[in-house]
């Protein structure tokens, strides 16, 4: 198991979402680049379907 590196995590808030405002429902899409090892977390009212591609693995949470 590897150690989490916060420098490789990017967080993006979709339109209508703020970091400090509660929004329901709040959906999380986490993608991972196999090439760079970077993690991309997108937070929004819906899942970030546009962030999914063949070079990334994804996890959805709600």
Protein backbone atom coordinates (compact mmCIF):
# COMPACT_ATOMS: atom_id res chain seq x y z
CA UNK A 1 0.00 0.00 0.00
CA UNK A 2 1.33 3.46 -0.86
CA UNK A 3 1.27 6.65 1.19
CA UNK A 4 -1.21 9.41 0.34
CA UNK A 5 0.48 12.48 -1.15
CA UNK A 6 -1.79 15.54 -0.83
CA UNK A 7 0.30 17.42 -3.41
CA UNK A 8 -1.07 15.06 -6.08
CA UNK A 9 -4.72 15.85 -5.20
CA UNK A 10 -6.65 18.49 -7.13
CA UNK A 11 -10.13 19.52 -5.94
CA UNK A 12 -12.65 21.19 -8.23
CA UNK A 13 -16.10 22.49 -7.29
CA UNK A 14 -18.70 22.39 -10.03
CA UNK A 15 -21.03 25.32 -10.68
CA UNK A 16 -23.37 25.98 -7.75
CA UNK A 17 -21.08 24.38 -5.14
CA UNK A 18 -18.94 26.25 -2.63
CA UNK A 19 -16.30 24.83 -0.30
CA UNK A 20 -18.05 26.05 2.86
CA UNK A 21 -21.75 25.88 1.98
CA UNK A 22 -23.80 22.75 2.57
CA UNK A 23 -25.51 21.53 -0.60
CA UNK A 24 -27.70 18.47 -0.85
CA UNK A 25 -27.29 16.29 -2.71
CA UNK A 26 -23.53 16.58 -2.92
CA UNK A 27 -21.83 14.13 -5.30
CA UNK A 28 -18.16 13.25 -5.34
CA UNK A 29 -16.27 11.98 -8.39
CA UNK A 30 -12.70 10.86 -7.79
CA UNK A 31 -10.56 10.05 -10.79
CA UNK A 32 -6.99 8.79 -10.87
CA UNK A 33 -4.40 9.07 -13.62
CA UNK A 34 -2.47 5.84 -14.10
CA UNK A 35 0.24 7.78 -15.95
CA UNK A 36 0.98 10.48 -13.36
CA UNK A 37 -0.52 9.09 -10.15
CA UNK A 38 -2.51 12.28 -9.68
CA UNK A 39 -5.96 12.30 -8.04
CA UNK A 40 -8.76 14.58 -9.20
CA UNK A 41 -11.75 15.14 -6.89
CA UNK A 42 -14.77 16.90 -8.36
CA UNK A 43 -17.61 17.95 -6.03
CA UNK A 44 -21.01 18.88 -7.43
CA UNK A 45 -24.76 18.36 -7.38
CA UNK A 46 -24.29 15.61 -9.99
CA UNK A 47 -21.41 13.26 -10.76
CA UNK A 48 -18.76 14.65 -13.12
CA UNK A 49 -19.42 12.29 -16.03
CA UNK A 50 -17.35 14.51 -18.33
CA UNK A 51 -14.19 13.77 -16.30
CA UNK A 52 -14.29 10.05 -17.09
CA UNK A 53 -11.97 8.74 -19.80
CA UNK A 54 -10.01 5.59 -20.62
CA UNK A 55 -6.81 6.89 -18.96
CA UNK A 56 -8.43 7.34 -15.54
CA UNK A 57 -10.01 5.09 -12.96
CA UNK A 58 -13.04 6.54 -11.17
CA UNK A 59 -14.89 6.28 -7.85
CA UNK A 60 -18.32 7.79 -7.27
CA UNK A 61 -19.67 8.79 -3.83
CA UNK A 62 -22.74 10.54 -2.60
